[in-house]
């Protein structure tokens, strides 16, 4: 039995970045109706779900580096959607969503849902589920920072 394995064509990084830019534009366009960006929505959602949390723990839970979180967090705090105050000791800080942040997240959630449903309709629910499965699998191989071939 002769089975040919289809080889990837082109740069995976480039293709993923192209896809991410398109998907981000799709979600940002819908979330703009609530006056929020996808990065801010994601941050508020994590703060709502996780409660008061240190910035370092939040960055780890969101899978981003501390400097990126700091930039994104600054905007959310300036908008009054979150606060940052003292933590358990004098060296630590704690981030917490405000009531205005909870309200903004609730307003934006309806727009996020519309973006999600439109995304599902564009690609098809079955393909989106398969994409999620593939992404989850890939994330397990890259989440530790290990560069082993698999």
C-alpha atoms as a PDB file:
ATOM      1  CA  UNK A   1       0.000   0.000   0.000  1.00  0.00           C
ATOM      2  CA  UNK A   2       1.536   3.273  -1.110  1.00  0.00           C
ATOM      3  CA  UNK A   3       0.421   6.209   0.984  1.00  0.00           C
ATOM      4  CA  UNK A   4       1.837   9.615   0.314  1.00  0.00           C
ATOM      5  CA  UNK A   5       2.180  11.967   3.221  1.00  0.00           C
ATOM      6  CA  UNK A   6       1.209  15.475   2.287  1.00  0.00           C
ATOM      7  CA  UNK A   7       3.986  17.858   3.220  1.00  0.00           C
ATOM      8  CA  UNK A   8       3.302  21.370   4.557  1.00  0.00           C
ATOM      9  CA  UNK A   9       3.704  24.078   1.956  1.00  0.00           C
ATOM     10  CA  UNK A  10       5.047  27.470   3.000  1.00  0.00           C
ATOM     11  CA  UNK A  11       5.948  28.875   6.393  1.00  0.00           C
ATOM     12  CA  UNK A  12       3.663  27.780   9.228  1.00  0.00           C
ATOM     13  CA  UNK A  13       4.505  30.891  11.248  1.00  0.00           C
ATOM     14  CA  UNK A  14       3.546  33.194   8.368  1.00  0.00           C
ATOM     15  CA  UNK A  15       0.304  31.331   7.700  1.00  0.00           C
ATOM     16  CA  UNK A  16      -0.668  31.393  11.375  1.00  0.00           C
ATOM     17  CA  UNK A  17       0.093  35.121  11.609  1.00  0.00           C
ATOM     18  CA  UNK A  18      -2.013  35.787   8.502  1.00  0.00           C
ATOM     19  CA  UNK A  19      -4.894  33.837  10.013  1.00  0.00           C
ATOM     20  CA  UNK A  20      -4.519  35.536  13.385  1.00  0.00           C
ATOM     21  CA  UNK A  21      -4.581  39.002  11.808  1.00  0.00           C
ATOM     22  CA  UNK A  22      -7.764  38.163   9.902  1.00  0.00           C
ATOM     23  CA  UNK A  23      -9.486  36.609  12.901  1.00  0.00           C
ATOM     24  CA  UNK A  24      -8.431  39.535  15.109  1.00  0.00           C
ATOM     25  CA  UNK A  25      -9.877  42.034  12.606  1.00  0.00           C
ATOM     26  CA  UNK A  26     -13.128  40.036  12.600  1.00  0.00           C
ATOM     27  CA  UNK A  27     -13.486  40.063  16.402  1.00  0.00           C
ATOM     28  CA  UNK A  28     -12.185  43.639  16.821  1.00  0.00           C
ATOM     29  CA  UNK A  29     -14.753  44.943  14.319  1.00  0.00           C
ATOM     30  CA  UNK A  30     -17.603  43.471  16.355  1.00  0.00           C
ATOM     31  CA  UNK A  31     -16.182  44.367  19.771  1.00  0.00           C
ATOM     32  CA  UNK A  32     -15.630  47.966  18.604  1.00  0.00           C
ATOM     33  CA  UNK A  33     -19.407  48.320  18.907  1.00  0.00           C
ATOM     34  CA  UNK A  34     -18.871  48.054  22.671  1.00  0.00           C
ATOM     35  CA  UNK A  35     -15.850  50.379  22.623  1.00  0.00           C
ATOM     36  CA  UNK A  36     -13.366  47.638  23.469  1.00  0.00           C
ATOM     37  CA  UNK A  37     -10.646  45.611  21.759  1.00  0.00           C
ATOM     38  CA  UNK A  38     -10.234  41.835  21.841  1.00  0.00           C
ATOM     39  CA  UNK A  39      -7.140  42.127  24.041  1.00  0.00           C
ATOM     40  CA  UNK A  40      -9.090  44.173  26.572  1.00  0.00           C
ATOM     41  CA  UNK A  41     -12.063  41.819  26.445  1.00  0.00           C
ATOM     42  CA  UNK A  42      -9.832  38.819  27.064  1.00  0.00           C
ATOM     43  CA  UNK A  43      -8.101  40.562  29.960  1.00  0.00           C
ATOM     44  CA  UNK A  44     -11.395  41.575  31.570  1.00  0.00           C
ATOM     45  CA  UNK A  45     -12.776  38.053  31.108  1.00  0.00           C
ATOM     46  CA  UNK A  46      -9.761  36.578  32.879  1.00  0.00           C
ATOM     47  CA  UNK A  47     -10.027  39.112  35.700  1.00  0.00           C
ATOM     48  CA  UNK A  48     -13.733  38.361  36.140  1.00  0.00           C
ATOM     49  CA  UNK A  49     -13.085  34.605  36.169  1.00  0.00           C
ATOM     50  CA  UNK A  50      -9.938  34.618  38.318  1.00  0.00           C
ATOM     51  CA  UNK A  51     -10.779  37.361  40.798  1.00  0.00           C
ATOM     52  CA  UNK A  52      -8.029  39.406  42.431  1.00  0.00           C
ATOM     53  CA  UNK A  53      -4.719  38.096  41.098  1.00  0.00           C
ATOM     54  CA  UNK A  54      -1.089  39.118  40.881  1.00  0.00           C
ATOM     55  CA  UNK A  55       0.061  40.402  37.491  1.00  0.00           C
ATOM     56  CA  UNK A  56       2.610  37.571  37.238  1.00  0.00           C
ATOM     57  CA  UNK A  57      -0.036  34.903  37.840  1.00  0.00           C
ATOM     58  CA  UNK A  58      -2.370  36.611  35.393  1.00  0.00           C
ATOM     59  CA  UNK A  59       0.333  36.684  32.704  1.00  0.00           C
ATOM     60  CA  UNK A  60       0.996  32.963  33.222  1.00  0.00           C
ATOM     61  CA  UNK A  61      -2.701  32.075  33.113  1.00  0.00           C
ATOM     62  CA  UNK A  62      -3.134  34.076  29.903  1.00  0.00           C
ATOM     63  CA  UNK A  63       0.029  32.652  28.340  1.00  0.00           C
ATOM     64  CA  UNK A  64       1.679  36.004  27.719  1.00  0.00           C
ATOM     65  CA  UNK A  65       4.860  37.691  28.832  1.00  0.00           C
ATOM     66  CA  UNK A  66       4.794  40.213  31.671  1.00  0.00           C
ATOM     67  CA  UNK A  67       5.630  43.243  29.509  1.00  0.00           C
ATOM     68  CA  UNK A  68       2.727  42.562  27.139  1.00  0.00           C
ATOM     69  CA  UNK A  69       0.382  42.135  30.090  1.00  0.00           C
ATOM     70  CA  UNK A  70       1.638  45.389  31.623  1.00  0.00           C
ATOM     71  CA  UNK A  71       0.904  47.323  28.401  1.00  0.00           C
ATOM     72  CA  UNK A  72      -2.572  45.818  28.077  1.00  0.00           C
ATOM     73  CA  UNK A  73      -3.331  46.218  31.763  1.00  0.00           C
ATOM     74  CA  UNK A  74      -2.347  49.906  31.721  1.00  0.00           C
ATOM     75  CA  UNK A  75      -5.149  50.663  29.234  1.00  0.00           C
ATOM     76  CA  UNK A  76      -7.745  48.698  31.211  1.00  0.00           C
ATOM     77  CA  UNK A  77      -6.763  50.496  34.432  1.00  0.00           C
ATOM     78  CA  UNK A  78      -6.828  53.911  32.708  1.00  0.00           C
ATOM     79  CA  UNK A  79     -10.366  53.163  31.509  1.00  0.00           C
ATOM     80  CA  UNK A  80     -11.393  52.432  35.111  1.00  0.00           C
ATOM     81  CA  UNK A  81     -12.173  48.793  34.305  1.00  0.00           C
ATOM     82  CA  UNK A  82      -9.600  47.394  36.742  1.00  0.00           C
ATOM     83  CA  UNK A  83      -7.496  48.520  39.667  1.00  0.00           C
ATOM     84  CA  UNK A  84      -4.048  47.549  40.809  1.00  0.00           C
ATOM     85  CA  UNK A  85      -3.238  47.733  44.482  1.00  0.00           C
ATOM     86  CA  UNK A  86      -1.033  46.191  47.128  1.00  0.00           C
ATOM     87  CA  UNK A  87      -0.760  42.424  47.347  1.00  0.00           C
ATOM     88  CA  UNK A  88       0.005  40.097  50.240  1.00  0.00           C
ATOM     89  CA  UNK A  89       3.279  41.812  51.037  1.00  0.00           C
ATOM     90  CA  UNK A  90       5.024  45.097  50.223  1.00  0.00           C
ATOM     91  CA  UNK A  91       6.696  43.670  47.120  1.00  0.00           C
ATOM     92  CA  UNK A  92       3.592  42.275  45.432  1.00  0.00           C
ATOM     93  CA  UNK A  93       0.678  43.829  43.575  1.00  0.00           C
ATOM     94  CA  UNK A  94      -2.860  42.647  42.992  1.00  0.00           C
ATOM     95  CA  UNK A  95      -5.132  43.344  40.023  1.00  0.00           C
ATOM     96  CA  UNK A  96      -8.890  43.335  40.335  1.00  0.00           C
ATOM     97  CA  UNK A  97     -11.769  44.093  37.972  1.00  0.00           C
ATOM     98  CA  UNK A  98     -13.997  47.043  38.954  1.00  0.00           C
ATOM     99  CA  UNK A  99     -17.785  47.235  38.703  1.00  0.00           C
ATOM    100  CA  UNK A 100     -17.298  49.372  35.561  1.00  0.00           C
ATOM    101  CA  UNK A 101     -15.055  46.605  34.189  1.00  0.00           C
ATOM    102  CA  UNK A 102     -17.682  43.969  34.922  1.00  0.00           C
ATOM    103  CA  UNK A 103     -20.288  46.108  33.148  1.00  0.00           C
ATOM    104  CA  UNK A 104     -17.989  46.672  30.130  1.00  0.00           C
ATOM    105  CA  UNK A 105     -17.258  42.945  29.912  1.00  0.00           C
ATOM    106  CA  UNK A 106     -20.993  42.141  30.094  1.00  0.00           C
ATOM    107  CA  UNK A 107     -21.742  44.695  27.337  1.00  0.00           C
ATOM    108  CA  UNK A 108     -18.912  43.358  25.176  1.00  0.00           C
ATOM    109  CA  UNK A 109     -19.872  39.714  25.733  1.00  0.00           C
ATOM    110  CA  UNK A 110     -22.905  40.038  23.445  1.00  0.00           C
ATOM    111  CA  UNK A 111     -20.661  41.434  20.704  1.00  0.00           C
ATOM    112  CA  UNK A 112     -18.079  38.695  21.294  1.00  0.00           C
ATOM    113  CA  UNK A 113     -20.876  36.120  20.952  1.00  0.00           C
ATOM    114  CA  UNK A 114     -21.942  37.637  17.614  1.00  0.00           C
ATOM    115  CA  UNK A 115     -18.339  37.509  16.391  1.00  0.00           C
ATOM    116  CA  UNK A 116     -18.014  33.891  17.529  1.00  0.00           C
ATOM    117  CA  UNK A 117     -21.243  32.815  15.829  1.00  0.00           C
ATOM    118  CA  UNK A 118     -20.248  34.586  12.596  1.00  0.00           C
ATOM    119  CA  UNK A 119     -16.826  32.899  12.741  1.00  0.00           C
ATOM    120  CA  UNK A 120     -18.532  29.518  13.197  1.00  0.00           C
ATOM    121  CA  UNK A 121     -20.879  30.230  10.293  1.00  0.00           C
ATOM    122  CA  UNK A 122     -18.041  31.325   8.007  1.00  0.00           C
ATOM    123  CA  UNK A 123     -15.888  28.223   8.595  1.00  0.00           C
ATOM    124  CA  UNK A 124     -18.540  25.748   9.685  1.00  0.00           C
ATOM    125  CA  UNK A 125     -18.990  24.459  13.228  1.00  0.00           C
ATOM    126  CA  UNK A 126     -17.350  21.112  12.455  1.00  0.00           C
ATOM    127  CA  UNK A 127     -14.225  22.783  11.079  1.00  0.00           C
ATOM    128  CA  UNK A 128     -14.069  25.211  14.002  1.00  0.00           C
ATOM    129  CA  UNK A 129     -14.276  22.285  16.435  1.00  0.00           C
ATOM    130  CA  UNK A 130     -11.485  20.518  14.505  1.00  0.00           C
ATOM    131  CA  UNK A 131      -9.457  23.743  14.523  1.00  0.00           C
ATOM    132  CA  UNK A 132      -9.868  24.040  18.309  1.00  0.00           C
ATOM    133  CA  UNK A 133      -8.741  20.432  18.722  1.00  0.00           C
ATOM    134  CA  UNK A 134      -5.676  21.038  16.563  1.00  0.00           C
ATOM    135  CA  UNK A 135      -4.857  24.292  18.367  1.00  0.00           C
ATOM    136  CA  UNK A 136      -5.235  22.659  21.789  1.00  0.00           C
ATOM    137  CA  UNK A 137      -2.924  19.858  20.681  1.00  0.00           C
ATOM    138  CA  UNK A 138      -0.351  22.327  19.338  1.00  0.00           C
ATOM    139  CA  UNK A 139      -0.546  24.452  22.478  1.00  0.00           C
ATOM    140  CA  UNK A 140       0.380  21.471  24.647  1.00  0.00           C
ATOM    141  CA  UNK A 141       3.598  21.146  22.636  1.00  0.00           C
ATOM    142  CA  UNK A 142       4.511  24.826  22.880  1.00  0.00           C
ATOM    143  CA  UNK A 143       3.246  25.779  26.329  1.00  0.00           C
ATOM    144  CA  UNK A 144       6.338  24.603  28.169  1.00  0.00           C
ATOM    145  CA  UNK A 145       8.723  26.437  25.882  1.00  0.00           C
ATOM    146  CA  UNK A 146      10.214  23.078  24.911  1.00  0.00           C
ATOM    147  CA  UNK A 147      11.357  22.966  21.305  1.00  0.00           C
ATOM    148  CA  UNK A 148      11.402  19.197  20.940  1.00  0.00           C
ATOM    149  CA  UNK A 149      10.290  17.797  17.607  1.00  0.00           C
ATOM    150  CA  UNK A 150       7.029  15.870  17.651  1.00  0.00           C
END
